[in-house]
Amino acid sequence: MSNLNVKIPEDSVIPDAKITQYLLVLKARNDKSRFLAQAGFTQENPEALKLAIQSQAMDKEAIEEKSNEYGTFYQVEGELIGVNGVSLSVITVWLQRQIDDKFQFVTLKPN
C-alpha cells in the first residue's frame, strides 16, 4: 500500500458556517472558541481564522486518515498563526469529497 503525499489545494472549501457557527461559538462540549481566542480569533474576525486555517493546511503534507461514503479524510498537523502573533499547534481535518473530488475543511483540534 503506497501512502501518497497529498497537499490541500488552494481552492479547497472552508464553509463560513463552520467558522462562525461552530469553531468560534462557545460550546459546553468540545469547545474550540476558547482555544482559538488565545491566538486572537473571535467572532469579530472570522476571515482571519479562515485564512490561518488555509495557510496551515497548504504548508504541510496531508496524511490520509480514513475513507467512507462521503470521501477520504485527511489530517494536517501544524501551526495556526494567530492575529496576535500567538501560534497554536493544531490538527486540521479535511475531506476530499467523493462527489466532486474537492477538498473541504471539516474541523480542527488542538494538537
N, C-alpha and C. Protein backbone atom coordinates (compact mmCIF):
# COMPACT_ATOMS: atom_id res chain seq x y z
N MET A 1 0.85 -1.19 0.00
CA MET A 1 0.00 0.00 0.00
C MET A 1 0.88 1.24 0.00
N SER A 2 0.74 2.05 -1.00
CA SER A 2 1.55 3.27 -1.06
C SER A 2 0.77 4.42 -0.46
N ASN A 3 1.42 5.15 0.41
CA ASN A 3 0.76 6.30 1.03
C ASN A 3 1.17 7.55 0.27
N LEU A 4 0.33 7.99 -0.63
CA LEU A 4 0.64 9.16 -1.43
C LEU A 4 0.57 10.42 -0.58
N ASN A 5 1.55 11.27 -0.75
CA ASN A 5 1.55 12.53 -0.04
C ASN A 5 0.64 13.50 -0.78
N VAL A 6 -0.31 14.02 -0.06
CA VAL A 6 -1.30 14.91 -0.64
C VAL A 6 -1.14 16.30 -0.05
N LYS A 7 -1.32 17.30 -0.87
CA LYS A 7 -1.34 18.67 -0.38
C LYS A 7 -2.77 19.18 -0.52
N ILE A 8 -3.23 19.92 0.47
CA ILE A 8 -4.56 20.52 0.39
C ILE A 8 -4.46 21.65 -0.64
N PRO A 9 -5.29 21.62 -1.69
CA PRO A 9 -5.19 22.65 -2.74
C PRO A 9 -5.73 24.01 -2.29
N GLU A 10 -5.28 25.04 -2.99
CA GLU A 10 -5.71 26.40 -2.66
C GLU A 10 -7.21 26.62 -2.83
N ASP A 11 -7.82 25.86 -3.73
CA ASP A 11 -9.25 26.05 -3.97
C ASP A 11 -10.13 25.20 -3.05
N SER A 12 -9.53 24.72 -1.95
CA SER A 12 -10.31 23.93 -1.01
C SER A 12 -11.42 24.80 -0.40
N VAL A 13 -12.47 24.13 0.03
CA VAL A 13 -13.67 24.81 0.55
C VAL A 13 -13.61 24.87 2.08
N ILE A 14 -13.76 26.09 2.60
CA ILE A 14 -13.89 26.26 4.05
C ILE A 14 -15.23 26.95 4.27
N PRO A 15 -16.25 26.17 4.64
CA PRO A 15 -17.59 26.76 4.81
C PRO A 15 -17.60 27.84 5.89
N ASP A 16 -18.19 28.99 5.57
CA ASP A 16 -18.28 30.08 6.55
C ASP A 16 -18.97 29.63 7.83
N ALA A 17 -20.01 28.83 7.68
CA ALA A 17 -20.78 28.38 8.85
C ALA A 17 -19.91 27.57 9.80
N LYS A 18 -18.94 26.84 9.27
CA LYS A 18 -18.05 26.03 10.10
C LYS A 18 -17.23 26.95 11.02
N ILE A 19 -16.89 28.12 10.52
CA ILE A 19 -16.11 29.08 11.30
C ILE A 19 -17.02 29.85 12.27
N THR A 20 -18.07 30.46 11.71
CA THR A 20 -18.88 31.40 12.50
C THR A 20 -19.92 30.73 13.39
N GLN A 21 -20.38 29.53 13.02
CA GLN A 21 -21.42 28.87 13.81
C GLN A 21 -20.92 27.65 14.57
N TYR A 22 -19.62 27.37 14.43
CA TYR A 22 -19.10 26.19 15.12
C TYR A 22 -17.81 26.50 15.87
N LEU A 23 -16.74 26.78 15.14
CA LEU A 23 -15.44 26.95 15.79
C LEU A 23 -15.38 28.14 16.73
N LEU A 24 -16.03 29.25 16.35
CA LEU A 24 -15.93 30.47 17.16
C LEU A 24 -17.10 30.65 18.13
N VAL A 25 -17.89 29.59 18.31
CA VAL A 25 -19.03 29.66 19.23
C VAL A 25 -18.68 28.89 20.50
N LEU A 26 -18.93 29.52 21.64
CA LEU A 26 -18.69 28.87 22.93
C LEU A 26 -19.64 27.69 23.08
N LYS A 27 -19.11 26.53 23.34
CA LYS A 27 -19.92 25.32 23.48
C LYS A 27 -19.64 24.64 24.82
N ALA A 28 -20.65 23.95 25.33
CA ALA A 28 -20.50 23.23 26.60
C ALA A 28 -19.54 22.05 26.43
N ARG A 29 -19.61 21.40 25.27
CA ARG A 29 -18.74 20.25 24.99
C ARG A 29 -17.92 20.52 23.75
N ASN A 30 -16.69 20.02 23.75
CA ASN A 30 -15.80 20.19 22.59
C ASN A 30 -15.67 21.63 22.14
N ASP A 31 -15.58 22.53 23.10
CA ASP A 31 -15.45 23.95 22.77
C ASP A 31 -14.09 24.23 22.15
N LYS A 32 -14.11 24.93 21.03
CA LYS A 32 -12.85 25.31 20.37
C LYS A 32 -12.62 26.82 20.47
N SER A 33 -13.67 27.56 20.81
CA SER A 33 -13.58 29.02 20.77
C SER A 33 -12.57 29.57 21.78
N ARG A 34 -12.52 28.99 22.99
CA ARG A 34 -11.57 29.48 23.99
C ARG A 34 -10.14 29.20 23.58
N PHE A 35 -9.92 28.02 23.00
CA PHE A 35 -8.60 27.65 22.49
C PHE A 35 -8.18 28.64 21.39
N LEU A 36 -9.08 28.91 20.46
CA LEU A 36 -8.76 29.81 19.34
C LEU A 36 -8.60 31.26 19.80
N ALA A 37 -9.31 31.64 20.87
CA ALA A 37 -9.23 33.00 21.39
C ALA A 37 -7.82 33.32 21.89
N GLN A 38 -7.09 32.30 22.32
CA GLN A 38 -5.70 32.52 22.78
C GLN A 38 -4.85 33.14 21.68
N ALA A 39 -5.20 32.87 20.43
CA ALA A 39 -4.45 33.40 19.30
C ALA A 39 -5.16 34.61 18.68
N GLY A 40 -6.20 35.09 19.37
CA GLY A 40 -6.88 36.30 18.92
C GLY A 40 -8.00 36.08 17.92
N PHE A 41 -8.40 34.82 17.71
CA PHE A 41 -9.50 34.55 16.78
C PHE A 41 -10.84 34.66 17.51
N THR A 42 -11.72 35.51 17.02
CA THR A 42 -13.02 35.72 17.65
C THR A 42 -14.10 35.85 16.58
N GLN A 43 -15.35 36.00 17.04
CA GLN A 43 -16.48 36.22 16.13
C GLN A 43 -16.28 37.49 15.31
N GLU A 44 -15.46 38.40 15.81
CA GLU A 44 -15.26 39.68 15.11
C GLU A 44 -14.34 39.54 13.89
N ASN A 45 -13.54 38.46 13.84
CA ASN A 45 -12.60 38.32 12.71
C ASN A 45 -12.59 36.92 12.11
N PRO A 46 -13.76 36.42 11.70
CA PRO A 46 -13.81 35.05 11.17
C PRO A 46 -12.93 34.84 9.94
N GLU A 47 -12.77 35.88 9.12
CA GLU A 47 -11.93 35.75 7.92
C GLU A 47 -10.48 35.45 8.28
N ALA A 48 -10.01 36.02 9.38
CA ALA A 48 -8.63 35.79 9.82
C ALA A 48 -8.42 34.32 10.15
N LEU A 49 -9.40 33.71 10.80
CA LEU A 49 -9.30 32.28 11.14
C LEU A 49 -9.32 31.45 9.86
N LYS A 50 -10.18 31.82 8.94
CA LYS A 50 -10.28 31.10 7.66
C LYS A 50 -8.93 31.12 6.93
N LEU A 51 -8.31 32.29 6.87
CA LEU A 51 -7.01 32.41 6.20
C LEU A 51 -5.93 31.62 6.93
N ALA A 52 -5.96 31.64 8.25
CA ALA A 52 -4.96 30.91 9.04
C ALA A 52 -5.11 29.40 8.82
N ILE A 53 -6.35 28.93 8.75
CA ILE A 53 -6.59 27.50 8.51
C ILE A 53 -6.07 27.12 7.13
N GLN A 54 -6.36 27.98 6.16
CA GLN A 54 -5.93 27.72 4.80
C GLN A 54 -4.40 27.65 4.70
N SER A 55 -3.72 28.62 5.30
CA SER A 55 -2.26 28.60 5.19
C SER A 55 -1.65 27.47 6.02
N GLN A 56 -2.27 27.11 7.14
CA GLN A 56 -1.78 25.98 7.93
C GLN A 56 -1.82 24.71 7.08
N ALA A 57 -2.89 24.54 6.33
CA ALA A 57 -3.08 23.30 5.57
C ALA A 57 -2.21 23.24 4.33
N MET A 58 -1.95 24.37 3.72
CA MET A 58 -1.21 24.35 2.46
C MET A 58 0.29 24.22 2.64
N ASP A 59 0.77 24.50 3.84
CA ASP A 59 2.21 24.42 4.10
C ASP A 59 2.70 22.99 4.25
N LYS A 60 1.82 22.10 4.64
CA LYS A 60 2.23 20.75 5.05
C LYS A 60 1.60 19.69 4.16
N GLU A 61 2.11 18.46 4.36
CA GLU A 61 1.51 17.33 3.67
C GLU A 61 0.34 16.81 4.49
N ALA A 62 -0.71 16.43 3.77
CA ALA A 62 -1.88 15.87 4.42
C ALA A 62 -1.71 14.35 4.52
N ILE A 63 -2.08 13.80 5.66
CA ILE A 63 -1.95 12.37 5.88
C ILE A 63 -3.34 11.74 5.82
N GLU A 64 -3.47 10.73 4.98
CA GLU A 64 -4.76 10.06 4.82
C GLU A 64 -5.14 9.38 6.12
N GLU A 65 -6.39 9.61 6.54
CA GLU A 65 -6.85 9.07 7.81
C GLU A 65 -7.82 7.91 7.60
N LYS A 66 -8.88 8.14 6.84
CA LYS A 66 -9.89 7.10 6.61
C LYS A 66 -10.77 7.51 5.43
N SER A 67 -11.54 6.55 4.96
CA SER A 67 -12.48 6.83 3.88
C SER A 67 -13.85 6.30 4.26
N ASN A 68 -14.88 6.95 3.74
CA ASN A 68 -16.24 6.45 3.91
C ASN A 68 -17.04 6.83 2.67
N GLU A 69 -18.36 6.75 2.76
CA GLU A 69 -19.18 7.03 1.58
C GLU A 69 -19.09 8.49 1.12
N TYR A 70 -18.61 9.38 1.99
CA TYR A 70 -18.50 10.80 1.64
C TYR A 70 -17.19 11.12 0.94
N GLY A 71 -16.19 10.28 1.15
CA GLY A 71 -14.89 10.55 0.55
C GLY A 71 -13.75 10.11 1.45
N THR A 72 -12.60 10.76 1.27
CA THR A 72 -11.40 10.41 2.03
C THR A 72 -11.03 11.56 2.95
N PHE A 73 -10.78 11.22 4.21
CA PHE A 73 -10.43 12.22 5.21
C PHE A 73 -8.92 12.30 5.36
N TYR A 74 -8.43 13.53 5.50
CA TYR A 74 -7.01 13.79 5.68
C TYR A 74 -6.81 14.66 6.90
N GLN A 75 -5.63 14.49 7.53
CA GLN A 75 -5.25 15.34 8.65
C GLN A 75 -3.97 16.08 8.31
N VAL A 76 -3.92 17.33 8.74
CA VAL A 76 -2.71 18.12 8.57
C VAL A 76 -2.31 18.66 9.94
N GLU A 77 -1.09 18.31 10.37
CA GLU A 77 -0.58 18.84 11.63
C GLU A 77 0.23 20.09 11.35
N GLY A 78 0.08 21.09 12.19
CA GLY A 78 0.88 22.29 12.01
C GLY A 78 0.48 23.41 12.94
N GLU A 79 1.04 24.57 12.65
CA GLU A 79 0.80 25.74 13.49
C GLU A 79 -0.24 26.65 12.87
N LEU A 80 -1.16 27.10 13.70
CA LEU A 80 -2.14 28.11 13.30
C LEU A 80 -1.59 29.43 13.84
N ILE A 81 -1.23 30.33 12.95
CA ILE A 81 -0.64 31.59 13.38
C ILE A 81 -1.75 32.59 13.69
N GLY A 82 -1.80 33.04 14.93
CA GLY A 82 -2.87 33.92 15.37
C GLY A 82 -2.69 35.36 14.95
N VAL A 83 -3.78 36.10 15.01
CA VAL A 83 -3.75 37.52 14.65
C VAL A 83 -2.91 38.31 15.65
N ASN A 84 -2.72 37.75 16.84
CA ASN A 84 -1.92 38.43 17.87
C ASN A 84 -0.49 37.88 17.93
N GLY A 85 -0.12 37.04 16.94
CA GLY A 85 1.23 36.51 16.90
C GLY A 85 1.41 35.20 17.65
N VAL A 86 0.41 34.80 18.43
CA VAL A 86 0.49 33.53 19.14
C VAL A 86 0.22 32.40 18.15
N SER A 87 1.04 31.35 18.20
CA SER A 87 0.74 30.23 17.31
C SER A 87 0.25 29.04 18.11
N LEU A 88 -0.77 28.39 17.57
CA LEU A 88 -1.39 27.23 18.22
C LEU A 88 -1.05 25.99 17.42
N SER A 89 -0.68 24.93 18.12
CA SER A 89 -0.41 23.66 17.46
C SER A 89 -1.75 22.94 17.26
N VAL A 90 -2.09 22.71 16.00
CA VAL A 90 -3.40 22.12 15.70
C VAL A 90 -3.29 21.01 14.67
N ILE A 91 -4.36 20.24 14.60
CA ILE A 91 -4.56 19.28 13.51
C ILE A 91 -5.83 19.73 12.80
N THR A 92 -5.73 19.98 11.50
CA THR A 92 -6.93 20.28 10.73
C THR A 92 -7.35 19.01 10.00
N VAL A 93 -8.65 18.83 9.88
CA VAL A 93 -9.20 17.65 9.22
C VAL A 93 -9.92 18.10 7.96
N TRP A 94 -9.63 17.42 6.87
CA TRP A 94 -10.18 17.75 5.56
C TRP A 94 -10.82 16.52 4.93
N LEU A 95 -11.82 16.76 4.12
CA LEU A 95 -12.49 15.69 3.39
C LEU A 95 -12.32 15.94 1.90
N GLN A 96 -11.77 14.94 1.20
CA GLN A 96 -11.78 15.02 -0.26
C GLN A 96 -13.09 14.36 -0.68
N ARG A 97 -14.03 15.20 -1.11
CA ARG A 97 -15.39 14.73 -1.37
C ARG A 97 -15.44 13.75 -2.54
N GLN A 98 -16.14 12.67 -2.32
CA GLN A 98 -16.26 11.67 -3.36
C GLN A 98 -17.06 12.20 -4.55
N ILE A 99 -18.04 13.05 -4.26
CA ILE A 99 -18.93 13.54 -5.30
C ILE A 99 -18.22 14.39 -6.36
N ASP A 100 -17.23 15.18 -5.95
CA ASP A 100 -16.57 16.08 -6.93
C ASP A 100 -15.05 16.19 -6.75
N ASP A 101 -14.48 15.39 -5.84
CA ASP A 101 -13.04 15.39 -5.58
C ASP A 101 -12.51 16.66 -4.94
N LYS A 102 -13.38 17.61 -4.62
CA LYS A 102 -12.95 18.86 -3.98
C LYS A 102 -12.60 18.57 -2.52
N PHE A 103 -11.65 19.35 -2.00
CA PHE A 103 -11.31 19.24 -0.58
C PHE A 103 -12.15 20.22 0.21
N GLN A 104 -12.67 19.77 1.34
CA GLN A 104 -13.48 20.62 2.20
C GLN A 104 -12.99 20.50 3.64
N PHE A 105 -12.87 21.64 4.30
CA PHE A 105 -12.47 21.68 5.71
C PHE A 105 -13.56 21.07 6.57
N VAL A 106 -13.18 20.18 7.49
CA VAL A 106 -14.14 19.53 8.38
C VAL A 106 -14.07 20.13 9.78
N THR A 107 -12.88 20.12 10.37
CA THR A 107 -12.73 20.68 11.72
C THR A 107 -11.25 20.84 12.05
N LEU A 108 -11.02 21.43 13.20
CA LEU A 108 -9.65 21.46 13.72
C LEU A 108 -9.69 21.06 15.18
N LYS A 109 -8.56 20.56 15.66
CA LYS A 109 -8.45 20.19 17.07
C LYS A 109 -7.08 20.55 17.58
N PRO A 110 -7.00 20.88 18.87
CA PRO A 110 -5.68 21.16 19.45
C PRO A 110 -4.79 19.93 19.31
N ASN A 111 -3.53 20.15 19.04
CA ASN A 111 -2.61 19.01 18.88
C ASN A 111 -1.86 18.80 20.19
